[in-house]
């Protein structure tokens, strides 16, 4: 652990001076040579692919994590000016990254970029699907040939759902799209979003011929995607603007008729609404219903500085750890949390780790998380901390 302490990685301290960790152990850490503004992470074939928030001119980093105690920065892909490229998805030798407007509106590059990573330490660009408007925010690409993309183009009020065919990764093409009625203003629709709120897709997760979506201030949406050219609505569950904001992820738990649905803990957006994690029963998918809430971490997080609240989940993509009874999530300044859901109506936290704040920051801001098939947990910090690797001590 000496090396970890020297890099500034370790558990924060509670008010009593004890490490703020329970049943999780820090295995490895890499601060990205001072470019630790990290977001989305996938782990494939002994390499971690990490998207960056964009403050340091890097879009994507590749780290060799075959020795998880000493993750090594192996390659970095720069990002064009005024462009956000903070999301990654890897299947086989294909890496997808998003290109989204960032900073000066209208001056970035927007769309979906495709790389060949058959040599992970030498990523090679092979394709690009351009878009107008803000571009791509996030995508789910788990199995060829389809990627499920959060897109944004001129003529729409905000982000919507797109299905992209990657049968030829060098020439991605759209085959279908769906949006909430009122979003296509160029087609004569009028927005139904309340003043000051957004109706916008964050991203979709799929199981079979269903897509499960967090639609920001509009709540939960379930689509039938059996016909890729014509997705259709199965159900829509608003959570109420007085109880919910920034609905982010709707994760279908393998083997269960249950979704885990997060609201993103964006502190500056609707601060009067406490961002929470819901357990939603979808046994009747046309009438989904909330049956439980995850416990909110105890402590002074709400006043510690930075954002406090849930963000990303381990989405159990193919090739990663599939455990229908254990949910791994990031909670911004409350670190990484692990919740048992063997009884979905009675979720209980079983582990957590709150890393020390990076130098010059008031708190950690744990951003994204994935768990490899061997059980190692890979999580990122939003601003400066880089990549952290944890091990669950209780299972």
Protein backbone atom coordinates (compact mmCIF):
# COMPACT_ATOMS: atom_id res chain seq x y z
CA UNK A 1 0.00 0.00 0.00
CA UNK A 2 3.01 2.33 0.19
CA UNK A 3 2.83 3.11 -3.51
CA UNK A 4 -0.86 3.97 -3.21
CA UNK A 5 -0.25 6.37 -0.34
CA UNK A 6 2.54 8.08 -2.25
CA UNK A 7 0.20 8.82 -5.14
CA UNK A 8 -2.31 10.39 -2.78
CA UNK A 9 -4.83 7.57 -3.10
CA UNK A 10 -6.41 6.21 0.05
CA UNK A 11 -9.59 6.46 2.07
CA UNK A 12 -10.82 9.79 3.33
CA UNK A 13 -11.23 10.12 7.08
CA UNK A 14 -14.47 10.23 9.02
CA UNK A 15 -15.09 12.85 11.72
CA UNK A 16 -13.62 10.41 14.25
CA UNK A 17 -10.42 10.08 12.22
CA UNK A 18 -11.10 6.54 10.97
CA UNK A 19 -10.77 5.60 7.27
CA UNK A 20 -14.09 6.15 5.50
CA UNK A 21 -14.26 2.64 4.06
CA UNK A 22 -16.10 -0.59 4.80
CA UNK A 23 -15.61 -3.96 3.10
CA UNK A 24 -13.77 -2.42 0.13
CA UNK A 25 -10.00 -2.35 -0.32
CA UNK A 26 -8.06 -0.08 -2.67
CA UNK A 27 -5.94 -2.29 -4.95
CA UNK A 28 -4.47 0.15 -7.47
CA UNK A 29 -4.60 3.74 -8.72
CA UNK A 30 -3.39 5.85 -11.65
CA UNK A 31 -3.73 9.64 -11.74
CA UNK A 32 -3.26 9.80 -15.53
CA UNK A 33 -0.10 11.89 -15.29
CA UNK A 34 -2.10 14.74 -13.82
CA UNK A 35 -4.91 14.43 -16.36
CA UNK A 36 -7.33 12.69 -14.03
CA UNK A 37 -10.58 14.30 -15.24
CA UNK A 38 -12.16 10.92 -15.90
CA UNK A 39 -15.60 9.63 -16.74
CA UNK A 40 -16.79 6.45 -18.51
CA UNK A 41 -14.73 3.26 -18.15
CA UNK A 42 -14.79 -0.15 -19.88
CA UNK A 43 -12.38 -3.00 -19.12
CA UNK A 44 -11.70 -5.44 -21.98
CA UNK A 45 -8.82 -7.88 -22.50
CA UNK A 46 -6.67 -6.57 -19.66
CA UNK A 47 -7.02 -2.92 -20.71
CA UNK A 48 -9.13 -0.14 -19.21
CA UNK A 49 -10.55 2.37 -21.70
CA UNK A 50 -11.36 5.64 -19.94
CA UNK A 51 -13.16 8.71 -21.24
CA UNK A 52 -12.13 12.18 -20.03
CA UNK A 53 -14.27 15.17 -19.11
CA UNK A 54 -12.19 17.31 -21.49
CA UNK A 55 -10.46 19.93 -19.38
CA UNK A 56 -7.00 18.64 -20.30
CA UNK A 57 -7.31 18.09 -24.06
CA UNK A 58 -7.51 14.29 -23.80
CA UNK A 59 -10.57 12.41 -25.04
CA UNK A 60 -9.69 8.79 -24.18
CA UNK A 61 -6.98 7.00 -22.23
CA UNK A 62 -5.97 3.35 -22.47
CA UNK A 63 -4.42 1.73 -19.39
CA UNK A 64 -2.79 -1.67 -19.09
CA UNK A 65 -4.45 -3.19 -16.01
CA UNK A 66 -3.15 -6.73 -16.32
CA UNK A 67 -1.38 -5.98 -13.05
CA UNK A 68 -4.19 -4.18 -11.18
CA UNK A 69 -1.84 -3.10 -8.40
CA UNK A 70 0.15 -1.02 -10.90
CA UNK A 71 -2.13 0.19 -13.73
CA UNK A 72 0.01 1.66 -16.52
CA UNK A 73 -1.00 4.50 -18.83
CA UNK A 74 -0.46 3.02 -22.31
CA UNK A 75 -2.04 5.44 -24.80
CA UNK A 76 -4.07 8.64 -24.99
CA UNK A 77 -6.30 9.96 -27.77
CA UNK A 78 -6.51 13.76 -27.98
CA UNK A 79 -9.87 15.42 -28.54
CA UNK A 80 -10.62 18.31 -30.96
CA UNK A 81 -11.05 21.77 -29.44
CA UNK A 82 -14.47 22.51 -27.91
CA UNK A 83 -15.41 18.82 -28.07
CA UNK A 84 -16.53 16.53 -25.26
CA UNK A 85 -15.43 12.87 -25.66
CA UNK A 86 -16.10 11.46 -22.20
CA UNK A 87 -17.84 8.16 -23.01
CA UNK A 88 -16.39 4.86 -24.23
CA UNK A 89 -17.80 1.50 -25.35
CA UNK A 90 -15.64 -1.44 -26.44
CA UNK A 91 -16.69 -4.68 -28.13
CA UNK A 92 -13.95 -6.90 -29.52
CA UNK A 93 -11.57 -4.70 -31.50
CA UNK A 94 -14.02 -1.79 -31.84
CA UNK A 95 -13.95 1.28 -29.60
CA UNK A 96 -16.75 3.86 -29.79
CA UNK A 97 -16.37 7.34 -28.32
CA UNK A 98 -18.80 10.24 -28.30
CA UNK A 99 -18.13 13.66 -29.79
CA UNK A 100 -20.31 16.39 -28.25
CA UNK A 101 -20.23 20.19 -28.14
CA UNK A 102 -18.19 21.43 -25.19
CA UNK A 103 -17.41 25.00 -24.26
CA UNK A 104 -17.99 27.29 -27.22
CA UNK A 105 -21.25 26.25 -28.88
CA UNK A 106 -21.00 25.41 -32.54
CA UNK A 107 -17.21 25.16 -32.65
CA UNK A 108 -16.69 21.52 -31.67
CA UNK A 109 -16.90 18.27 -33.64
CA UNK A 110 -20.13 16.31 -33.12
CA UNK A 111 -21.04 12.70 -33.78
CA UNK A 112 -19.89 9.13 -33.10
CA UNK A 113 -16.22 8.21 -33.59
CA UNK A 114 -15.02 4.64 -34.21
CA UNK A 115 -11.53 3.26 -33.51
CA UNK A 116 -9.79 -0.05 -34.17
CA UNK A 117 -8.20 -1.23 -30.90
CA UNK A 118 -6.95 -4.62 -32.06
CA UNK A 119 -3.66 -3.19 -30.78
CA UNK A 120 -4.95 -1.50 -27.60
CA UNK A 121 -1.85 0.65 -27.17
CA UNK A 122 -2.17 1.95 -30.74
CA UNK A 123 -5.81 3.02 -31.30
CA UNK A 124 -6.54 3.76 -34.95
CA UNK A 125 -9.49 5.83 -36.18
CA UNK A 126 -11.59 3.98 -38.77
CA UNK A 127 -15.01 5.62 -38.89
CA UNK A 128 -17.19 8.58 -37.99
CA UNK A 129 -20.93 9.28 -38.02
CA UNK A 130 -21.37 13.09 -38.04
CA UNK A 131 -24.35 14.84 -36.49
CA UNK A 132 -25.68 18.37 -36.36
CA UNK A 133 -26.59 20.07 -33.10
CA UNK A 134 -24.93 19.08 -29.83
CA UNK A 135 -23.91 15.60 -31.02
CA UNK A 136 -23.64 12.35 -29.04
CA UNK A 137 -23.83 12.27 -25.26
CA UNK A 138 -23.61 8.54 -24.53
CA UNK A 139 -24.01 5.14 -26.16
CA UNK A 140 -24.58 1.48 -25.21
CA UNK A 141 -22.72 -1.00 -27.41
CA UNK A 142 -22.68 -4.49 -25.93
CA UNK A 143 -23.10 -6.86 -28.87
CA UNK A 144 -22.69 -6.33 -32.62
CA UNK A 145 -24.06 -4.96 -34.79
CA UNK A 146 -26.19 -2.36 -32.97
CA UNK A 147 -25.23 0.59 -30.78
CA UNK A 148 -27.95 2.45 -28.86
CA UNK A 149 -27.00 6.11 -28.92
CA UNK A 150 -28.09 9.29 -27.18
CA UNK A 151 -28.00 11.75 -30.06
CA UNK A 152 -28.84 15.40 -30.55
CA UNK A 153 -29.41 17.23 -33.82
CA UNK A 154 -30.71 20.55 -35.04
CA UNK A 155 -34.50 20.63 -35.06
CA UNK A 156 -34.98 18.73 -31.79
CA UNK A 157 -35.30 20.32 -28.35
CA UNK A 158 -32.79 17.96 -26.71
CA UNK A 159 -31.23 14.49 -26.67
CA UNK A 160 -33.15 11.53 -28.13
CA UNK A 161 -32.74 7.81 -28.89
CA UNK A 162 -30.93 6.51 -31.98
CA UNK A 163 -30.10 2.99 -33.17
CA UNK A 164 -26.84 2.75 -35.11
CA UNK A 165 -25.85 -0.22 -37.28
CA UNK A 166 -22.14 -1.06 -36.99
CA UNK A 167 -22.13 -4.09 -39.28
CA UNK A 168 -19.37 -2.18 -41.04
CA UNK A 169 -17.64 -0.25 -38.22
CA UNK A 170 -15.92 1.98 -40.77
CA UNK A 171 -19.32 3.16 -42.04
CA UNK A 172 -21.80 3.45 -39.13
CA UNK A 173 -25.35 4.26 -40.18
CA UNK A 174 -28.56 5.17 -38.40
CA UNK A 175 -31.43 2.69 -38.73
CA UNK A 176 -33.99 4.05 -36.25
CA UNK A 177 -34.80 6.78 -33.74
CA UNK A 178 -37.40 7.67 -31.11
CA UNK A 179 -38.20 10.76 -29.06
CA UNK A 180 -40.83 11.92 -26.62
CA UNK A 181 -43.67 13.74 -28.38
CA UNK A 182 -43.02 17.48 -28.36
CA UNK A 183 -39.27 17.26 -28.96
CA UNK A 184 -39.22 17.51 -32.77
CA UNK A 185 -39.81 21.23 -33.17
CA UNK A 186 -38.66 21.20 -36.79
CA UNK A 187 -41.54 18.82 -37.45
CA UNK A 188 -44.09 21.18 -35.91
CA UNK A 189 -44.18 19.67 -32.40
CA UNK A 190 -44.32 21.90 -29.33
CA UNK A 191 -42.27 21.17 -26.23
CA UNK A 192 -44.20 19.80 -23.24
CA UNK A 193 -41.32 20.19 -20.76
CA UNK A 194 -42.12 22.50 -17.82
CA UNK A 195 -40.18 25.77 -17.67
CA UNK A 196 -36.67 25.26 -16.35
CA UNK A 197 -36.78 21.47 -16.80
CA UNK A 198 -35.41 19.16 -19.51
CA UNK A 199 -37.08 16.29 -21.30
CA UNK A 200 -33.99 14.52 -22.65
CA UNK A 201 -32.68 10.98 -22.91
CA UNK A 202 -29.60 10.29 -20.83
CA UNK A 203 -28.97 6.78 -22.17
CA UNK A 204 -30.64 3.46 -22.86
CA UNK A 205 -29.77 0.00 -21.54
CA UNK A 206 -31.12 -3.04 -23.35
CA UNK A 207 -32.35 -6.52 -22.50
CA UNK A 208 -33.79 -8.64 -25.29
CA UNK A 209 -36.08 -6.48 -27.39
CA UNK A 210 -36.55 -3.84 -24.70
CA UNK A 211 -34.69 -0.58 -24.07
CA UNK A 212 -34.83 0.98 -20.60
CA UNK A 213 -34.17 4.71 -20.40
CA UNK A 214 -33.64 7.52 -17.95
CA UNK A 215 -35.31 10.50 -19.60
CA UNK A 216 -33.99 13.23 -17.24
CA UNK A 217 -36.95 15.23 -15.85
CA UNK A 218 -39.49 13.04 -17.67
CA UNK A 219 -38.61 9.93 -15.62
CA UNK A 220 -38.51 6.34 -16.88
CA UNK A 221 -39.26 5.20 -20.45
CA UNK A 222 -39.47 1.60 -21.71
CA UNK A 223 -39.34 0.95 -25.47
CA UNK A 224 -39.95 -2.09 -27.65
CA UNK A 225 -36.97 -2.23 -30.05
CA UNK A 226 -37.87 -5.50 -31.76
CA UNK A 227 -38.26 -3.53 -34.99
CA UNK A 228 -35.06 -1.48 -35.09
CA UNK A 229 -36.49 0.88 -37.69
CA UNK A 230 -39.62 1.63 -35.63
CA UNK A 231 -39.09 1.62 -31.86
CA UNK A 232 -42.38 1.98 -30.00
CA UNK A 233 -43.40 2.99 -26.50
CA UNK A 234 -44.22 0.28 -23.96
CA UNK A 235 -44.62 2.53 -20.91
CA UNK A 236 -43.64 5.85 -19.38
CA UNK A 237 -43.37 6.42 -15.63
CA UNK A 238 -42.88 10.05 -14.50
CA UNK A 239 -41.62 10.26 -10.92
CA UNK A 240 -43.01 13.74 -10.24
CA UNK A 241 -41.07 16.97 -10.52
CA UNK A 242 -41.32 17.54 -6.78
CA UNK A 243 -39.66 14.17 -6.11
CA UNK A 244 -37.25 13.60 -8.98
CA UNK A 245 -34.82 15.35 -11.31
CA UNK A 246 -32.07 14.21 -13.66
CA UNK A 247 -33.17 10.58 -14.09
CA UNK A 248 -29.98 9.04 -15.42
CA UNK A 249 -29.81 5.23 -15.57
CA UNK A 250 -32.51 2.54 -15.79
CA UNK A 251 -30.70 -0.76 -15.29
CA UNK A 252 -32.56 -4.07 -15.87
CA UNK A 253 -31.22 -6.49 -13.26
CA UNK A 254 -30.37 -9.86 -14.87
CA UNK A 255 -32.86 -12.57 -13.96
CA UNK A 256 -35.20 -10.20 -12.11
CA UNK A 257 -38.27 -8.18 -13.11
CA UNK A 258 -36.64 -5.17 -11.52
CA UNK A 259 -34.98 -1.95 -12.67
CA UNK A 260 -32.51 0.07 -10.62
CA UNK A 261 -33.14 3.71 -11.57
CA UNK A 262 -30.85 6.56 -10.55
CA UNK A 263 -31.29 10.30 -10.45
CA UNK A 264 -27.95 12.03 -11.07
CA UNK A 265 -26.76 14.04 -8.07
CA UNK A 266 -26.25 17.34 -9.93
CA UNK A 267 -26.23 19.73 -7.00
CA UNK A 268 -26.69 22.94 -8.98
CA UNK A 269 -29.72 21.60 -10.85
CA UNK A 270 -32.99 21.50 -8.89
CA UNK A 271 -31.15 21.51 -5.53
CA UNK A 272 -34.47 21.28 -3.70
CA UNK A 273 -34.94 17.73 -5.03
CA UNK A 274 -32.94 15.01 -3.24
CA UNK A 275 -31.44 12.74 -5.90
CA UNK A 276 -32.08 9.08 -5.05
CA UNK A 277 -31.95 5.51 -6.36
CA UNK A 278 -35.27 3.74 -6.94
CA UNK A 279 -36.10 0.05 -7.25
CA UNK A 280 -38.82 -0.32 -9.90
CA UNK A 281 -40.91 -3.48 -10.35
CA UNK A 282 -41.51 -4.27 -14.05
CA UNK A 283 -43.32 -7.60 -13.68
CA UNK A 284 -46.08 -5.77 -15.54
CA UNK A 285 -43.95 -3.69 -17.89
CA UNK A 286 -46.89 -1.56 -18.93
CA UNK A 287 -47.42 -0.51 -15.31
CA UNK A 288 -43.98 -0.17 -13.70
CA UNK A 289 -44.07 0.78 -10.03
CA UNK A 290 -41.55 1.96 -7.44
CA UNK A 291 -41.17 -0.57 -4.61
CA UNK A 292 -38.11 0.66 -2.68
CA UNK A 293 -35.32 3.22 -2.38
CA UNK A 294 -31.60 2.71 -1.80
CA UNK A 295 -30.28 4.03 1.51
CA UNK A 296 -28.76 7.50 1.34
CA UNK A 297 -25.14 7.54 2.64
CA UNK A 298 -24.82 8.98 6.11
CA UNK A 299 -22.35 11.75 6.88
CA UNK A 300 -21.64 15.40 6.11
CA UNK A 301 -21.58 14.85 2.34
CA UNK A 302 -24.28 17.44 1.61
CA UNK A 303 -22.02 20.18 3.03
CA UNK A 304 -18.60 18.75 2.16
CA UNK A 305 -18.28 20.43 -1.23
CA UNK A 306 -18.76 19.08 -4.75
CA UNK A 307 -21.80 17.12 -5.87
CA UNK A 308 -23.52 14.64 -3.54
CA UNK A 309 -25.81 11.97 -4.94
CA UNK A 310 -25.91 8.90 -7.18
CA UNK A 311 -24.49 8.80 -10.67
CA UNK A 312 -23.46 5.65 -12.55
CA UNK A 313 -24.06 1.94 -11.95
CA UNK A 314 -22.09 -1.14 -12.93
CA UNK A 315 -24.29 -2.07 -15.89
CA UNK A 316 -23.22 -5.74 -16.12
CA UNK A 317 -22.37 -5.61 -19.80
CA UNK A 318 -21.38 -8.94 -21.44
CA UNK A 319 -17.92 -10.04 -20.30
CA UNK A 320 -18.13 -8.20 -16.98
CA UNK A 321 -19.27 -9.44 -13.56
CA UNK A 322 -22.91 -10.55 -13.65
CA UNK A 323 -24.32 -10.59 -10.12
CA UNK A 324 -28.07 -9.97 -9.89
CA UNK A 325 -27.94 -9.56 -6.11
CA UNK A 326 -25.27 -6.86 -5.87
CA UNK A 327 -25.38 -3.31 -7.24
CA UNK A 328 -22.22 -1.22 -7.51
CA UNK A 329 -22.61 2.54 -7.91
CA UNK A 330 -20.79 5.84 -7.68
CA UNK A 331 -22.12 8.57 -5.41
CA UNK A 332 -19.90 11.56 -6.25
CA UNK A 333 -18.46 12.88 -2.96
CA UNK A 334 -19.79 9.82 -1.10
CA UNK A 335 -17.47 7.61 -3.15
CA UNK A 336 -18.27 4.06 -4.24
CA UNK A 337 -21.20 2.24 -2.65
CA UNK A 338 -22.22 -1.44 -2.86
CA UNK A 339 -25.83 -2.43 -2.20
CA UNK A 340 -27.32 -5.91 -1.82
CA UNK A 341 -30.71 -6.49 -3.49
CA UNK A 342 -31.32 -10.20 -2.94
CA UNK A 343 -34.63 -8.90 -1.59
CA UNK A 344 -35.35 -6.09 -4.06
CA UNK A 345 -37.92 -4.45 -1.77
CA UNK A 346 -35.30 -4.27 1.01
CA UNK A 347 -31.99 -2.99 -0.43
CA UNK A 348 -29.14 -2.67 2.08
CA UNK A 349 -25.64 -1.26 1.76
CA UNK A 350 -22.85 -3.77 2.38
CA UNK A 351 -19.70 -1.83 1.44
CA UNK A 352 -18.32 1.60 0.60
CA UNK A 353 -15.06 3.46 0.00
CA UNK A 354 -14.66 7.24 -0.06
CA UNK A 355 -11.22 8.14 -1.49
CA UNK A 356 -9.24 11.14 -0.33
CA UNK A 357 -9.88 14.32 -2.26
CA UNK A 358 -7.34 15.04 -5.02
CA UNK A 359 -5.01 17.95 -4.36
CA UNK A 360 -6.81 21.29 -4.56
CA UNK A 361 -10.30 19.76 -4.46
CA UNK A 362 -12.77 19.83 -1.53
CA UNK A 363 -13.89 16.25 -2.10
CA UNK A 364 -13.66 13.21 -4.33
CA UNK A 365 -16.22 13.10 -7.16
CA UNK A 366 -16.55 9.42 -8.08
CA UNK A 367 -18.03 9.39 -11.55
CA UNK A 368 -18.28 6.03 -13.31
CA UNK A 369 -17.86 2.38 -12.39
CA UNK A 370 -17.54 -1.08 -13.90
CA UNK A 371 -16.73 -4.47 -12.38
CA UNK A 372 -14.58 -6.92 -14.32
CA UNK A 373 -15.42 -10.62 -14.49
CA UNK A 374 -12.81 -11.33 -11.80
CA UNK A 375 -14.65 -9.04 -9.38
CA UNK A 376 -12.24 -6.11 -9.41
CA UNK A 377 -14.02 -2.75 -9.35
CA UNK A 378 -12.83 0.08 -11.63
CA UNK A 379 -14.05 3.57 -10.79
CA UNK A 380 -13.13 7.08 -11.89
CA UNK A 381 -13.01 10.57 -10.41
CA UNK A 382 -14.59 13.43 -12.35
CA UNK A 383 -11.99 16.15 -11.84
CA UNK A 384 -8.47 15.07 -10.97
CA UNK A 385 -8.25 11.69 -9.25
CA UNK A 386 -7.98 9.39 -12.28
CA UNK A 387 -8.69 5.64 -12.12
CA UNK A 388 -9.15 3.64 -8.90
CA UNK A 389 -9.28 -0.16 -8.60
CA UNK A 390 -11.03 -1.76 -5.62
CA UNK A 391 -11.70 -5.22 -4.26
CA UNK A 392 -14.87 -6.24 -2.39
CA UNK A 393 -13.90 -7.95 0.86
CA UNK A 394 -17.31 -9.32 1.72
CA UNK A 395 -19.43 -11.35 -0.65
